[in-house]
Amino acid sequence: MNGNRYYGVRVEGAKYGVGFGSALAIAISYTKNHSILWAIIHGILGWLYVIYAALFG
């Protein structure tokens, strides 16, 4: 069915977005703080931390 394929594409896109957001958050956090613990915490927060870092530097 065409509807199932569309749903599958959306789910895969969402997984990619979450994974990319976490990786980006980890990279930004480690660059700023040089702390693996903070990088892990910010990786869990993902896109929330990326947006925070972009807004508040």
N, C-alpha and C. Protein backbone atom coordinates (compact mmCIF):
# COMPACT_ATOMS: atom_id res chain seq x y z
N MET A 1 0.84 -1.19 0.00
CA MET A 1 0.00 0.00 0.00
C MET A 1 0.88 1.25 0.00
N ASN A 2 0.39 2.27 -0.60
CA ASN A 2 1.14 3.51 -0.70
C ASN A 2 1.24 4.22 0.65
N GLY A 3 0.20 4.15 1.46
CA GLY A 3 0.21 4.80 2.77
C GLY A 3 1.25 4.21 3.70
N ASN A 4 1.44 2.89 3.66
CA ASN A 4 2.45 2.26 4.52
C ASN A 4 3.85 2.69 4.14
N ARG A 5 4.11 2.84 2.85
CA ARG A 5 5.44 3.27 2.41
C ARG A 5 5.72 4.68 2.91
N TYR A 6 4.75 5.56 2.82
CA TYR A 6 4.90 6.93 3.29
C TYR A 6 5.20 6.96 4.79
N TYR A 7 4.49 6.14 5.55
CA TYR A 7 4.72 6.06 7.00
C TYR A 7 6.14 5.56 7.28
N GLY A 8 6.60 4.57 6.53
CA GLY A 8 7.95 4.04 6.72
C GLY A 8 9.01 5.08 6.45
N VAL A 9 8.80 5.90 5.44
CA VAL A 9 9.75 6.97 5.13
C VAL A 9 9.78 7.99 6.26
N ARG A 10 8.63 8.31 6.79
CA ARG A 10 8.57 9.28 7.90
C ARG A 10 9.27 8.76 9.14
N VAL A 11 9.08 7.48 9.46
CA VAL A 11 9.71 6.89 10.65
C VAL A 11 11.22 6.88 10.47
N GLU A 12 11.70 6.46 9.30
CA GLU A 12 13.14 6.45 9.06
C GLU A 12 13.72 7.85 9.11
N GLY A 13 12.99 8.81 8.58
CA GLY A 13 13.45 10.21 8.64
C GLY A 13 13.52 10.71 10.06
N ALA A 14 12.57 10.34 10.88
CA ALA A 14 12.58 10.75 12.28
C ALA A 14 13.75 10.13 13.02
N LYS A 15 14.03 8.86 12.75
CA LYS A 15 15.16 8.20 13.40
C LYS A 15 16.47 8.89 13.01
N TYR A 16 16.61 9.24 11.73
CA TYR A 16 17.82 9.92 11.26
C TYR A 16 17.94 11.27 11.94
N GLY A 17 16.84 12.00 12.06
CA GLY A 17 16.87 13.32 12.69
C GLY A 17 17.28 13.25 14.15
N VAL A 18 16.76 12.26 14.87
CA VAL A 18 17.11 12.10 16.28
C VAL A 18 18.57 11.72 16.41
N GLY A 19 19.04 10.79 15.59
CA GLY A 19 20.44 10.37 15.65
C GLY A 19 21.38 11.49 15.31
N PHE A 20 21.05 12.26 14.28
CA PHE A 20 21.90 13.38 13.87
C PHE A 20 21.89 14.46 14.94
N GLY A 21 20.74 14.72 15.56
CA GLY A 21 20.65 15.73 16.62
C GLY A 21 21.50 15.35 17.81
N SER A 22 21.49 14.08 18.18
CA SER A 22 22.30 13.63 19.31
C SER A 22 23.78 13.73 18.99
N ALA A 23 24.17 13.33 17.79
CA ALA A 23 25.58 13.41 17.40
C ALA A 23 26.05 14.86 17.36
N LEU A 24 25.22 15.73 16.84
CA LEU A 24 25.57 17.15 16.78
C LEU A 24 25.68 17.74 18.18
N ALA A 25 24.76 17.37 19.06
CA ALA A 25 24.80 17.86 20.44
C ALA A 25 26.07 17.39 21.15
N ILE A 26 26.46 16.15 20.94
CA ILE A 26 27.67 15.62 21.56
C ILE A 26 28.90 16.37 21.05
N ALA A 27 28.95 16.60 19.75
CA ALA A 27 30.10 17.30 19.18
C ALA A 27 30.20 18.73 19.71
N ILE A 28 29.09 19.44 19.74
CA ILE A 28 29.09 20.82 20.24
C ILE A 28 29.47 20.85 21.71
N SER A 29 28.88 19.96 22.49
CA SER A 29 29.14 19.93 23.92
C SER A 29 30.60 19.63 24.23
N TYR A 30 31.16 18.64 23.57
CA TYR A 30 32.55 18.28 23.85
C TYR A 30 33.50 19.39 23.41
N THR A 31 33.18 20.06 22.31
CA THR A 31 34.01 21.17 21.85
C THR A 31 33.98 22.32 22.85
N LYS A 32 32.83 22.59 23.42
CA LYS A 32 32.70 23.70 24.37
C LYS A 32 33.25 23.35 25.76
N ASN A 33 32.92 22.14 26.26
CA ASN A 33 33.20 21.81 27.66
C ASN A 33 34.39 20.90 27.87
N HIS A 34 34.82 20.19 26.86
CA HIS A 34 35.90 19.19 26.98
C HIS A 34 35.61 18.20 28.10
N SER A 35 34.35 17.77 28.20
CA SER A 35 33.93 16.83 29.22
C SER A 35 33.07 15.74 28.58
N ILE A 36 33.47 14.50 28.78
CA ILE A 36 32.70 13.39 28.22
C ILE A 36 31.35 13.26 28.93
N LEU A 37 31.32 13.50 30.24
CA LEU A 37 30.06 13.40 30.99
C LEU A 37 29.03 14.39 30.45
N TRP A 38 29.42 15.65 30.27
CA TRP A 38 28.49 16.64 29.73
C TRP A 38 28.09 16.31 28.30
N ALA A 39 29.02 15.76 27.53
CA ALA A 39 28.70 15.37 26.15
C ALA A 39 27.63 14.28 26.13
N ILE A 40 27.70 13.33 27.06
CA ILE A 40 26.69 12.27 27.14
C ILE A 40 25.34 12.86 27.53
N ILE A 41 25.33 13.72 28.53
CA ILE A 41 24.08 14.35 28.97
C ILE A 41 23.46 15.16 27.84
N HIS A 42 24.28 15.95 27.16
CA HIS A 42 23.75 16.77 26.07
C HIS A 42 23.34 15.91 24.88
N GLY A 43 24.00 14.77 24.68
CA GLY A 43 23.60 13.84 23.63
C GLY A 43 22.21 13.27 23.88
N ILE A 44 21.89 13.03 25.14
CA ILE A 44 20.56 12.55 25.50
C ILE A 44 19.51 13.63 25.20
N LEU A 45 19.85 14.87 25.47
CA LEU A 45 18.92 15.98 25.20
C LEU A 45 18.79 16.26 23.71
N GLY A 46 19.83 15.97 22.95
CA GLY A 46 19.78 16.07 21.49
C GLY A 46 19.50 17.47 20.98
N TRP A 47 18.43 17.58 20.19
CA TRP A 47 18.12 18.83 19.52
C TRP A 47 17.85 19.97 20.50
N LEU A 48 17.38 19.67 21.71
CA LEU A 48 17.15 20.74 22.69
C LEU A 48 18.45 21.47 23.01
N TYR A 49 19.53 20.71 23.20
CA TYR A 49 20.81 21.33 23.49
C TYR A 49 21.36 22.06 22.27
N VAL A 50 21.17 21.50 21.08
CA VAL A 50 21.65 22.15 19.87
C VAL A 50 21.00 23.53 19.71
N ILE A 51 19.70 23.59 19.92
CA ILE A 51 18.98 24.87 19.83
C ILE A 51 19.46 25.83 20.91
N TYR A 52 19.62 25.32 22.13
CA TYR A 52 20.11 26.16 23.24
C TYR A 52 21.50 26.72 22.91
N ALA A 53 22.39 25.87 22.43
CA ALA A 53 23.75 26.32 22.10
C ALA A 53 23.73 27.36 20.98
N ALA A 54 22.83 27.20 20.01
CA ALA A 54 22.74 28.15 18.92
C ALA A 54 22.20 29.51 19.39
N LEU A 55 21.26 29.47 20.31
CA LEU A 55 20.66 30.73 20.78
C LEU A 55 21.54 31.47 21.78
N PHE A 56 22.15 30.72 22.69
CA PHE A 56 22.87 31.36 23.79
C PHE A 56 24.38 31.19 23.73
N GLY A 57 24.87 30.62 22.64
CA GLY A 57 26.31 30.50 22.41
C GLY A 57 26.98 29.72 23.45
